[in-house]
Amino acid sequence: MLSCFFAFEFIWGNTNSVGFINAGYSTFSFIGIYILAGLLRKIEVNKRYNCSAYFSIFIISTAINSILYIAAVNKNIRIEHIIFNYINPLIILGAASLLALFTKLRESYSVSINKTILWFSSSCFAVYLLHVGTGYALELFCDGTRAIYFSNSGLKAFILILLYMACVFIAAIIIDQPRKLIWKKALSPLFKNHV
């Protein structure tokens, strides 16, 4: 049944036959992703394979996506709206394999490493908002990336862009800490008392 959902979403979403799919940025699409995550958890898929199998699935799905995109660019075919949207089956497969991989890894980590991972992951939406949450944020982020790219070359440009992305990531996490503190100390207790 879930495969029918994703097939519907992919076909009708890419033909723009229905507007409510919106390339995977919609409540409809998120419902499907949450059901998939719940199903993966319920069948405990992480017990069937090891970490290298999940990582391989992620790498293969990413490689196929990249090859399709490069081939399309070489043939002057514009398919980036299909390749890069969240209703692409390869994107969904890659994300599901990463979910299973991190679930499997979580079992082997110590409590302190798990807490560190949760601390970082609880601010991931802030990372998204900081660099692409608004048109201005995206323009600022892209301008910074372009400045590094055009003022450097080769491996140096690649390393500097990676460092730039790491700095944006860390800055977003630091900026998000007051929000987390306000939620934990002031707002969360209000909701717990009424449930």
N, C-alpha and C. Protein backbone atom coordinates (compact mmCIF):
# COMPACT_ATOMS: atom_id res chain seq x y z
N MET A 1 0.81 -1.19 0.00
CA MET A 1 0.00 0.00 0.00
C MET A 1 0.86 1.27 0.00
N LEU A 2 1.94 1.23 0.80
CA LEU A 2 2.83 2.38 0.86
C LEU A 2 3.54 2.61 -0.47
N SER A 3 3.87 1.54 -1.17
CA SER A 3 4.49 1.69 -2.49
C SER A 3 3.53 2.36 -3.47
N CYS A 4 2.24 2.08 -3.34
CA CYS A 4 1.23 2.75 -4.18
C CYS A 4 1.19 4.25 -3.86
N PHE A 5 1.29 4.57 -2.58
CA PHE A 5 1.30 5.98 -2.16
C PHE A 5 2.47 6.71 -2.82
N PHE A 6 3.68 6.13 -2.72
CA PHE A 6 4.85 6.79 -3.28
C PHE A 6 4.82 6.82 -4.80
N ALA A 7 4.26 5.79 -5.43
CA ALA A 7 4.12 5.79 -6.89
C ALA A 7 3.18 6.91 -7.32
N PHE A 8 2.04 7.03 -6.63
CA PHE A 8 1.09 8.12 -6.91
C PHE A 8 1.77 9.47 -6.76
N GLU A 9 2.47 9.62 -5.64
CA GLU A 9 3.14 10.88 -5.34
C GLU A 9 4.17 11.22 -6.41
N PHE A 10 4.96 10.24 -6.84
CA PHE A 10 6.01 10.48 -7.83
C PHE A 10 5.41 10.83 -9.20
N ILE A 11 4.45 10.05 -9.64
CA ILE A 11 3.88 10.26 -10.98
C ILE A 11 3.10 11.56 -11.05
N TRP A 12 2.15 11.73 -10.14
CA TRP A 12 1.31 12.92 -10.21
C TRP A 12 2.03 14.18 -9.73
N GLY A 13 3.00 14.01 -8.84
CA GLY A 13 3.76 15.16 -8.39
C GLY A 13 4.68 15.70 -9.46
N ASN A 14 5.27 14.82 -10.28
CA ASN A 14 6.18 15.27 -11.33
C ASN A 14 5.48 15.72 -12.59
N THR A 15 4.22 15.36 -12.75
CA THR A 15 3.46 15.85 -13.91
C THR A 15 2.65 17.09 -13.56
N ASN A 16 2.76 17.52 -12.29
CA ASN A 16 2.01 18.67 -11.79
C ASN A 16 0.51 18.51 -11.99
N SER A 17 0.04 17.26 -11.96
CA SER A 17 -1.39 17.00 -12.11
C SER A 17 -2.16 17.42 -10.86
N VAL A 18 -1.48 17.33 -9.72
CA VAL A 18 -2.10 17.76 -8.47
C VAL A 18 -1.14 18.72 -7.76
N GLY A 19 -1.67 19.75 -7.20
CA GLY A 19 -0.84 20.77 -6.57
C GLY A 19 -0.47 20.47 -5.14
N PHE A 20 -1.19 19.55 -4.49
CA PHE A 20 -0.97 19.35 -3.05
C PHE A 20 0.27 18.54 -2.73
N ILE A 21 0.96 17.98 -3.72
CA ILE A 21 2.19 17.23 -3.45
C ILE A 21 3.37 18.18 -3.33
N ASN A 22 3.45 19.17 -4.19
CA ASN A 22 4.42 20.25 -4.10
C ASN A 22 5.87 19.74 -3.95
N ALA A 23 6.26 18.79 -4.80
CA ALA A 23 7.63 18.25 -4.85
C ALA A 23 8.09 17.65 -3.53
N GLY A 24 7.17 17.24 -2.68
CA GLY A 24 7.53 16.65 -1.40
C GLY A 24 7.51 17.62 -0.24
N TYR A 25 7.26 18.88 -0.50
CA TYR A 25 7.20 19.89 0.56
C TYR A 25 5.75 20.13 0.97
N SER A 26 5.07 19.10 1.37
CA SER A 26 3.66 19.26 1.73
C SER A 26 3.30 18.31 2.86
N THR A 27 2.19 18.61 3.49
CA THR A 27 1.70 17.74 4.56
C THR A 27 1.44 16.34 4.02
N PHE A 28 0.87 16.26 2.84
CA PHE A 28 0.60 14.97 2.21
C PHE A 28 1.88 14.13 2.11
N SER A 29 2.95 14.73 1.64
CA SER A 29 4.22 14.01 1.48
C SER A 29 4.82 13.63 2.83
N PHE A 30 4.74 14.55 3.80
CA PHE A 30 5.30 14.24 5.11
C PHE A 30 4.53 13.11 5.79
N ILE A 31 3.26 13.00 5.56
CA ILE A 31 2.48 11.89 6.11
C ILE A 31 3.04 10.56 5.59
N GLY A 32 3.31 10.51 4.28
CA GLY A 32 3.90 9.30 3.70
C GLY A 32 5.25 8.97 4.29
N ILE A 33 6.09 9.98 4.49
CA ILE A 33 7.42 9.76 5.08
C ILE A 33 7.30 9.26 6.51
N TYR A 34 6.39 9.84 7.29
CA TYR A 34 6.21 9.40 8.67
C TYR A 34 5.67 7.97 8.74
N ILE A 35 4.79 7.62 7.83
CA ILE A 35 4.28 6.25 7.79
C ILE A 35 5.42 5.28 7.44
N LEU A 36 6.25 5.67 6.47
CA LEU A 36 7.40 4.84 6.11
C LEU A 36 8.35 4.65 7.29
N ALA A 37 8.65 5.74 8.00
CA ALA A 37 9.53 5.64 9.17
C ALA A 37 8.92 4.75 10.24
N GLY A 38 7.62 4.90 10.46
CA GLY A 38 6.94 4.03 11.43
C GLY A 38 6.98 2.58 11.01
N LEU A 39 6.79 2.32 9.73
CA LEU A 39 6.84 0.95 9.22
C LEU A 39 8.23 0.36 9.38
N LEU A 40 9.25 1.14 9.06
CA LEU A 40 10.63 0.66 9.23
C LEU A 40 10.91 0.33 10.70
N ARG A 41 10.40 1.16 11.57
CA ARG A 41 10.60 0.90 13.00
C ARG A 41 9.83 -0.33 13.46
N LYS A 42 8.61 -0.47 12.94
CA LYS A 42 7.76 -1.58 13.36
C LYS A 42 8.32 -2.93 12.92
N ILE A 43 8.82 -3.00 11.69
CA ILE A 43 9.34 -4.29 11.23
C ILE A 43 10.79 -4.50 11.64
N GLU A 44 11.33 -3.50 12.33
CA GLU A 44 12.70 -3.56 12.85
C GLU A 44 13.67 -3.99 11.76
N VAL A 45 13.64 -3.23 10.68
CA VAL A 45 14.48 -3.52 9.53
C VAL A 45 15.97 -3.50 9.89
N ASN A 46 16.29 -2.77 10.94
CA ASN A 46 17.70 -2.65 11.31
C ASN A 46 18.29 -3.96 11.80
N LYS A 47 17.49 -4.97 12.14
CA LYS A 47 18.02 -6.26 12.59
C LYS A 47 18.37 -7.16 11.41
N ARG A 48 17.87 -6.84 10.23
CA ARG A 48 18.08 -7.71 9.08
C ARG A 48 19.44 -7.53 8.43
N TYR A 49 19.95 -6.31 8.44
CA TYR A 49 21.20 -6.01 7.75
C TYR A 49 22.16 -5.32 8.69
N ASN A 50 23.43 -5.25 8.26
CA ASN A 50 24.41 -4.54 9.08
C ASN A 50 24.60 -3.12 8.56
N CYS A 51 25.42 -2.36 9.24
CA CYS A 51 25.62 -0.94 8.90
C CYS A 51 26.15 -0.76 7.48
N SER A 52 27.05 -1.64 7.06
CA SER A 52 27.64 -1.47 5.72
C SER A 52 26.59 -1.66 4.63
N ALA A 53 25.59 -2.52 4.86
CA ALA A 53 24.51 -2.70 3.87
C ALA A 53 23.69 -1.43 3.73
N TYR A 54 23.34 -0.81 4.84
CA TYR A 54 22.56 0.43 4.79
C TYR A 54 23.35 1.56 4.15
N PHE A 55 24.64 1.63 4.50
CA PHE A 55 25.48 2.67 3.91
C PHE A 55 25.63 2.44 2.41
N SER A 56 25.76 1.19 2.01
CA SER A 56 25.87 0.85 0.58
C SER A 56 24.61 1.25 -0.18
N ILE A 57 23.44 1.01 0.42
CA ILE A 57 22.18 1.40 -0.22
C ILE A 57 22.14 2.92 -0.41
N PHE A 58 22.57 3.64 0.61
CA PHE A 58 22.61 5.11 0.51
C PHE A 58 23.55 5.56 -0.60
N ILE A 59 24.76 5.00 -0.63
CA ILE A 59 25.75 5.39 -1.65
C ILE A 59 25.26 5.03 -3.04
N ILE A 60 24.67 3.85 -3.21
CA ILE A 60 24.18 3.43 -4.53
C ILE A 60 23.04 4.34 -5.00
N SER A 61 22.09 4.63 -4.12
CA SER A 61 20.98 5.50 -4.53
C SER A 61 21.47 6.91 -4.86
N THR A 62 22.44 7.41 -4.10
CA THR A 62 23.02 8.73 -4.38
C THR A 62 23.80 8.71 -5.69
N ALA A 63 24.55 7.64 -5.93
CA ALA A 63 25.33 7.52 -7.16
C ALA A 63 24.42 7.45 -8.39
N ILE A 64 23.36 6.67 -8.31
CA ILE A 64 22.42 6.57 -9.43
C ILE A 64 21.80 7.94 -9.72
N ASN A 65 21.39 8.62 -8.66
CA ASN A 65 20.83 9.97 -8.82
C ASN A 65 21.83 10.91 -9.48
N SER A 66 23.08 10.85 -9.04
CA SER A 66 24.12 11.73 -9.60
C SER A 66 24.38 11.39 -11.06
N ILE A 67 24.46 10.11 -11.38
CA ILE A 67 24.71 9.68 -12.77
C ILE A 67 23.56 10.12 -13.67
N LEU A 68 22.33 9.96 -13.20
CA LEU A 68 21.18 10.41 -13.99
C LEU A 68 21.24 11.92 -14.26
N TYR A 69 21.61 12.67 -13.22
CA TYR A 69 21.68 14.11 -13.38
C TYR A 69 22.79 14.51 -14.35
N ILE A 70 23.98 13.92 -14.19
CA ILE A 70 25.10 14.25 -15.07
C ILE A 70 24.78 13.88 -16.52
N ALA A 71 24.17 12.70 -16.71
CA ALA A 71 23.79 12.28 -18.06
C ALA A 71 22.76 13.25 -18.66
N ALA A 72 21.82 13.68 -17.86
CA ALA A 72 20.80 14.62 -18.36
C ALA A 72 21.43 15.96 -18.73
N VAL A 73 22.36 16.44 -17.90
CA VAL A 73 23.03 17.71 -18.20
C VAL A 73 23.82 17.59 -19.50
N ASN A 74 24.52 16.46 -19.67
CA ASN A 74 25.30 16.25 -20.90
C ASN A 74 24.43 16.18 -22.15
N LYS A 75 23.19 15.73 -22.00
CA LYS A 75 22.27 15.63 -23.14
C LYS A 75 21.36 16.86 -23.24
N ASN A 76 21.60 17.86 -22.37
CA ASN A 76 20.79 19.08 -22.35
C ASN A 76 19.32 18.81 -22.00
N ILE A 77 19.10 17.85 -21.12
CA ILE A 77 17.74 17.53 -20.66
C ILE A 77 17.60 18.12 -19.26
N ARG A 78 16.54 18.87 -19.02
CA ARG A 78 16.33 19.52 -17.72
C ARG A 78 15.45 18.65 -16.84
N ILE A 79 16.07 17.89 -15.95
CA ILE A 79 15.30 17.02 -15.05
C ILE A 79 15.63 17.28 -13.58
N GLU A 80 16.28 18.42 -13.29
CA GLU A 80 16.64 18.66 -11.89
C GLU A 80 15.42 18.71 -10.97
N HIS A 81 14.28 19.12 -11.50
CA HIS A 81 13.06 19.16 -10.68
C HIS A 81 12.64 17.74 -10.29
N ILE A 82 13.00 16.73 -11.06
CA ILE A 82 12.69 15.34 -10.71
C ILE A 82 13.79 14.77 -9.81
N ILE A 83 15.04 15.05 -10.14
CA ILE A 83 16.17 14.48 -9.41
C ILE A 83 16.27 15.02 -7.99
N PHE A 84 16.05 16.32 -7.81
CA PHE A 84 16.31 16.93 -6.51
C PHE A 84 15.10 17.08 -5.61
N ASN A 85 13.91 16.69 -6.04
CA ASN A 85 12.76 16.88 -5.15
C ASN A 85 12.59 15.68 -4.22
N TYR A 86 11.82 15.90 -3.19
CA TYR A 86 11.68 14.91 -2.13
C TYR A 86 10.72 13.78 -2.46
N ILE A 87 10.17 13.75 -3.65
CA ILE A 87 9.31 12.62 -4.03
C ILE A 87 10.05 11.67 -4.96
N ASN A 88 11.32 11.92 -5.20
CA ASN A 88 12.15 11.02 -5.98
C ASN A 88 12.34 9.72 -5.18
N PRO A 89 12.01 8.56 -5.74
CA PRO A 89 12.16 7.30 -5.00
C PRO A 89 13.59 7.04 -4.53
N LEU A 90 14.58 7.50 -5.29
CA LEU A 90 15.97 7.31 -4.87
C LEU A 90 16.31 8.17 -3.65
N ILE A 91 15.74 9.36 -3.57
CA ILE A 91 15.93 10.21 -2.39
C ILE A 91 15.28 9.55 -1.17
N ILE A 92 14.07 9.03 -1.36
CA ILE A 92 13.36 8.38 -0.26
C ILE A 92 14.10 7.13 0.20
N LEU A 93 14.60 6.33 -0.76
CA LEU A 93 15.37 5.12 -0.43
C LEU A 93 16.64 5.48 0.33
N GLY A 94 17.34 6.51 -0.14
CA GLY A 94 18.56 6.94 0.53
C GLY A 94 18.29 7.43 1.95
N ALA A 95 17.23 8.21 2.12
CA ALA A 95 16.88 8.72 3.45
C ALA A 95 16.48 7.58 4.39
N ALA A 96 15.71 6.62 3.87
CA ALA A 96 15.29 5.47 4.69
C ALA A 96 16.50 4.63 5.10
N SER A 97 17.46 4.47 4.18
CA SER A 97 18.66 3.70 4.53
C SER A 97 19.50 4.42 5.57
N LEU A 98 19.55 5.77 5.49
CA LEU A 98 20.27 6.52 6.53
C LEU A 98 19.58 6.40 7.88
N LEU A 99 18.26 6.44 7.87
CA LEU A 99 17.51 6.27 9.12
C LEU A 99 17.83 4.91 9.75
N ALA A 100 17.80 3.87 8.93
CA ALA A 100 18.11 2.53 9.44
C ALA A 100 19.57 2.44 9.90
N LEU A 101 20.47 3.07 9.15
CA LEU A 101 21.88 3.06 9.52
C LEU A 101 22.10 3.71 10.88
N PHE A 102 21.53 4.91 11.08
CA PHE A 102 21.75 5.60 12.35
C PHE A 102 21.04 4.90 13.51
N THR A 103 19.94 4.24 13.23
CA THR A 103 19.28 3.45 14.27
C THR A 103 20.18 2.30 14.69
N LYS A 104 20.79 1.66 13.72
CA LYS A 104 21.71 0.56 13.99
C LYS A 104 22.95 1.05 14.73
N LEU A 105 23.48 2.19 14.30
CA LEU A 105 24.67 2.74 14.95
C LEU A 105 24.39 3.16 16.39
N ARG A 106 23.17 3.68 16.62
CA ARG A 106 22.80 4.15 17.95
C ARG A 106 22.92 3.05 18.99
N GLU A 107 22.64 1.81 18.57
CA GLU A 107 22.71 0.68 19.50
C GLU A 107 24.14 0.41 19.96
N SER A 108 25.13 0.76 19.14
CA SER A 108 26.52 0.46 19.47
C SER A 108 27.24 1.61 20.16
N TYR A 109 26.63 2.80 20.22
CA TYR A 109 27.28 3.95 20.83
C TYR A 109 27.01 4.01 22.33
N SER A 110 27.91 4.71 23.00
CA SER A 110 27.72 4.93 24.43
C SER A 110 26.63 5.98 24.65
N VAL A 111 26.21 6.11 25.88
CA VAL A 111 25.16 7.07 26.23
C VAL A 111 25.61 8.50 25.92
N SER A 112 26.87 8.83 26.19
CA SER A 112 27.36 10.19 25.96
C SER A 112 27.38 10.53 24.47
N ILE A 113 27.74 9.57 23.62
CA ILE A 113 27.73 9.82 22.18
C ILE A 113 26.30 9.98 21.69
N ASN A 114 25.38 9.17 22.20
CA ASN A 114 23.97 9.30 21.83
C ASN A 114 23.41 10.66 22.22
N LYS A 115 23.77 11.14 23.41
CA LYS A 115 23.31 12.45 23.86
C LYS A 115 23.87 13.56 22.97
N THR A 116 25.12 13.42 22.55
CA THR A 116 25.75 14.41 21.67
C THR A 116 25.04 14.43 20.31
N ILE A 117 24.76 13.26 19.78
CA ILE A 117 24.06 13.17 18.49
C ILE A 117 22.67 13.80 18.61
N LEU A 118 21.95 13.50 19.68
CA LEU A 118 20.63 14.08 19.89
C LEU A 118 20.70 15.59 20.06
N TRP A 119 21.75 16.07 20.73
CA TRP A 119 21.91 17.51 20.94
C TRP A 119 22.08 18.21 19.59
N PHE A 120 22.93 17.66 18.72
CA PHE A 120 23.11 18.24 17.39
C PHE A 120 21.85 18.12 16.55
N SER A 121 21.24 16.95 16.56
CA SER A 121 20.08 16.72 15.68
C SER A 121 18.88 17.55 16.09
N SER A 122 18.77 17.92 17.36
CA SER A 122 17.63 18.72 17.79
C SER A 122 17.68 20.15 17.24
N SER A 123 18.81 20.53 16.66
CA SER A 123 18.94 21.86 16.06
C SER A 123 19.06 21.82 14.54
N CYS A 124 18.85 20.67 13.94
CA CYS A 124 19.02 20.56 12.48
C CYS A 124 18.04 21.43 11.70
N PHE A 125 16.84 21.62 12.21
CA PHE A 125 15.90 22.48 11.51
C PHE A 125 16.39 23.93 11.54
N ALA A 126 17.06 24.31 12.62
CA ALA A 126 17.64 25.66 12.69
C ALA A 126 18.72 25.83 11.64
N VAL A 127 19.48 24.76 11.36
CA VAL A 127 20.50 24.82 10.31
C VAL A 127 19.83 25.08 8.97
N TYR A 128 18.76 24.36 8.71
CA TYR A 128 18.01 24.56 7.46
C TYR A 128 17.50 26.01 7.37
N LEU A 129 16.90 26.50 8.45
CA LEU A 129 16.34 27.85 8.43
C LEU A 129 17.42 28.92 8.25
N LEU A 130 18.60 28.69 8.84
CA LEU A 130 19.64 29.70 8.75
C LEU A 130 20.16 29.87 7.33
N HIS A 131 20.28 28.79 6.57
CA HIS A 131 20.88 28.97 5.25
C HIS A 131 19.92 28.90 4.08
N VAL A 132 18.70 28.39 4.25
CA VAL A 132 17.73 28.42 3.15
C VAL A 132 16.31 28.70 3.61
N GLY A 133 16.14 29.10 4.83
CA GLY A 133 14.80 29.32 5.37
C GLY A 133 14.05 30.48 4.73
N THR A 134 14.78 31.46 4.25
CA THR A 134 14.16 32.59 3.54
C THR A 134 14.96 32.84 2.27
N GLY A 135 14.39 33.61 1.38
CA GLY A 135 15.11 33.96 0.15
C GLY A 135 16.40 34.72 0.45
N TYR A 136 16.34 35.60 1.45
CA TYR A 136 17.52 36.37 1.82
C TYR A 136 18.61 35.45 2.39
N ALA A 137 18.22 34.51 3.24
CA ALA A 137 19.19 33.58 3.83
C ALA A 137 19.85 32.73 2.75
N LEU A 138 19.07 32.24 1.80
CA LEU A 138 19.61 31.44 0.71
C LEU A 138 20.57 32.27 -0.14
N GLU A 139 20.18 33.51 -0.45
CA GLU A 139 21.04 34.39 -1.25
C GLU A 139 22.36 34.66 -0.54
N LEU A 140 22.29 34.90 0.76
CA LEU A 140 23.49 35.16 1.56
C LEU A 140 24.40 33.94 1.58
N PHE A 141 23.82 32.77 1.79
CA PHE A 141 24.59 31.52 1.82
C PHE A 141 25.24 31.26 0.46
N CYS A 142 24.48 31.41 -0.62
CA CYS A 142 25.01 31.18 -1.97
C CYS A 142 26.08 32.20 -2.33
N ASP A 143 25.90 33.45 -1.91
CA ASP A 143 26.91 34.47 -2.17
C ASP A 143 28.24 34.11 -1.50
N GLY A 144 28.15 33.64 -0.27
CA GLY A 144 29.36 33.22 0.45
C GLY A 144 30.05 32.05 -0.24
N THR A 145 29.25 31.08 -0.68
CA THR A 145 29.80 29.92 -1.36
C THR A 145 30.44 30.33 -2.69
N ARG A 146 29.78 31.18 -3.44
CA ARG A 146 30.33 31.66 -4.72
C ARG A 146 31.64 32.44 -4.50
N ALA A 147 31.66 33.27 -3.48
CA ALA A 147 32.87 34.05 -3.21
C ALA A 147 34.06 33.13 -2.94
N ILE A 148 33.85 32.08 -2.19
CA ILE A 148 34.92 31.11 -1.92
C ILE A 148 35.31 30.40 -3.20
N TYR A 149 34.33 29.97 -3.96
CA TYR A 149 34.58 29.21 -5.19
C TYR A 149 35.36 30.04 -6.23
N PHE A 150 34.96 31.28 -6.43
CA PHE A 150 35.60 32.09 -7.47
C PHE A 150 36.94 32.69 -7.04
N SER A 151 37.21 32.74 -5.75
CA SER A 151 38.49 33.29 -5.30
C SER A 151 39.53 32.20 -5.04
N ASN A 152 39.14 30.94 -5.18
CA ASN A 152 40.06 29.82 -4.97
C ASN A 152 39.84 28.80 -6.09
N SER A 153 40.68 27.79 -6.12
CA SER A 153 40.49 26.77 -7.16
C SER A 153 40.83 25.39 -6.63
N GLY A 154 40.30 24.39 -7.32
CA GLY A 154 40.62 23.00 -7.04
C GLY A 154 40.29 22.56 -5.64
N LEU A 155 41.23 21.81 -5.07
CA LEU A 155 41.04 21.21 -3.75
C LEU A 155 40.89 22.26 -2.66
N LYS A 156 41.63 23.37 -2.81
CA LYS A 156 41.54 24.44 -1.81
C LYS A 156 40.11 25.00 -1.74
N ALA A 157 39.48 25.23 -2.90
CA ALA A 157 38.10 25.72 -2.92
C ALA A 157 37.16 24.72 -2.27
N PHE A 158 37.35 23.45 -2.59
CA PHE A 158 36.50 22.39 -2.03
C PHE A 158 36.61 22.36 -0.51
N ILE A 159 37.82 22.40 0.01
CA ILE A 159 38.03 22.34 1.47
C ILE A 159 37.45 23.59 2.14
N LEU A 160 37.67 24.75 1.53
CA LEU A 160 37.14 25.99 2.12
C LEU A 160 35.61 26.02 2.11
N ILE A 161 35.00 25.48 1.06
CA ILE A 161 33.53 25.42 1.02
C ILE A 161 33.02 24.47 2.10
N LEU A 162 33.71 23.34 2.30
CA LEU A 162 33.33 22.42 3.39
C LEU A 162 33.45 23.11 4.74
N LEU A 163 34.53 23.85 4.95
CA LEU A 163 34.70 24.59 6.21
C LEU A 163 33.62 25.65 6.39
N TYR A 164 33.28 26.33 5.31
CA TYR A 164 32.21 27.34 5.35
C TYR A 164 30.88 26.69 5.76
N MET A 165 30.57 25.55 5.15
CA MET A 165 29.33 24.85 5.52
C MET A 165 29.36 24.39 6.97
N ALA A 166 30.52 23.93 7.45
CA ALA A 166 30.65 23.52 8.85
C ALA A 166 30.44 24.72 9.78
N CYS A 167 30.96 25.87 9.39
CA CYS A 167 30.77 27.08 10.22
C CYS A 167 29.30 27.50 10.26
N VAL A 168 28.62 27.43 9.12
CA VAL A 168 27.18 27.75 9.10
C VAL A 168 26.42 26.78 9.99
N PHE A 169 26.77 25.50 9.90
CA PHE A 169 26.13 24.46 10.72
C PHE A 169 26.31 24.75 12.21
N ILE A 170 27.55 25.02 12.62
CA ILE A 170 27.85 25.28 14.03
C ILE A 170 27.18 26.58 14.49
N ALA A 171 27.21 27.61 13.65
CA ALA A 171 26.57 28.89 14.01
C ALA A 171 25.07 28.69 14.24
N ALA A 172 24.42 27.91 13.37
CA ALA A 172 22.98 27.68 13.53
C ALA A 172 22.69 26.94 14.83
N ILE A 173 23.52 25.99 15.17
CA ILE A 173 23.31 25.23 16.41
C ILE A 173 23.49 26.13 17.63
N ILE A 174 24.50 27.00 17.60
CA ILE A 174 24.72 27.93 18.71
C ILE A 174 23.56 28.92 18.83
N ILE A 175 23.11 29.45 17.68
CA ILE A 175 22.00 30.41 17.69
C ILE A 175 20.72 29.77 18.20
N ASP A 176 20.56 28.46 17.99
CA ASP A 176 19.34 27.76 18.38
C ASP A 176 19.28 27.42 19.87
N GLN A 177 20.37 27.52 20.60
CA GLN A 177 20.39 27.10 22.00
C GLN A 177 19.43 27.90 22.90
N PRO A 178 19.31 29.22 22.75
CA PRO A 178 18.32 29.93 23.58
C PRO A 178 16.89 29.43 23.36
N ARG A 179 16.54 29.12 22.10
CA ARG A 179 15.20 28.59 21.83
C ARG A 179 14.97 27.28 22.56
N LYS A 180 15.96 26.41 22.53
CA LYS A 180 15.84 25.11 23.22
C LYS A 180 15.72 25.30 24.72
N LEU A 181 16.49 26.25 25.26
CA LEU A 181 16.45 26.51 26.70
C LEU A 181 15.09 27.08 27.11
N ILE A 182 14.56 28.02 26.33
CA ILE A 182 13.24 28.59 26.63
C ILE A 182 12.16 27.51 26.56
N TRP A 183 12.26 26.64 25.56
CA TRP A 183 11.27 25.57 25.45
C TRP A 183 11.36 24.63 26.65
N LYS A 184 12.57 24.23 27.01
CA LYS A 184 12.75 23.26 28.09
C LYS A 184 12.35 23.82 29.46
N LYS A 185 12.76 25.05 29.73
CA LYS A 185 12.55 25.61 31.07
C LYS A 185 11.21 26.31 31.25
N ALA A 186 10.72 26.97 30.20
CA ALA A 186 9.53 27.80 30.37
C ALA A 186 8.28 27.23 29.70
N LEU A 187 8.38 26.79 28.47
CA LEU A 187 7.18 26.42 27.73
C LEU A 187 6.77 24.96 27.90
N SER A 188 7.74 24.06 27.87
CA SER A 188 7.42 22.63 27.98
C SER A 188 6.65 22.27 29.25
N PRO A 189 7.04 22.83 30.42
CA PRO A 189 6.27 22.52 31.64
C PRO A 189 4.80 22.94 31.55
N LEU A 190 4.51 24.01 30.82
CA LEU A 190 3.12 24.45 30.67
C LEU A 190 2.27 23.42 29.95
N PHE A 191 2.87 22.77 28.95
CA PHE A 191 2.13 21.76 28.20
C PHE A 191 2.01 20.45 28.97
N LYS A 192 3.00 20.12 29.78
CA LYS A 192 2.96 18.88 30.56
C LYS A 192 1.88 18.93 31.62
N ASN A 193 1.62 20.11 32.19
CA ASN A 193 0.63 20.24 33.24
C ASN A 193 -0.80 20.10 32.72
N HIS A 194 -1.01 20.33 31.43
CA HIS A 194 -2.37 20.27 30.88
C HIS A 194 -2.67 18.98 30.15
N VAL A 195 -1.71 18.07 30.10
CA VAL A 195 -1.95 16.81 29.35
C VAL A 195 -2.45 15.75 30.30
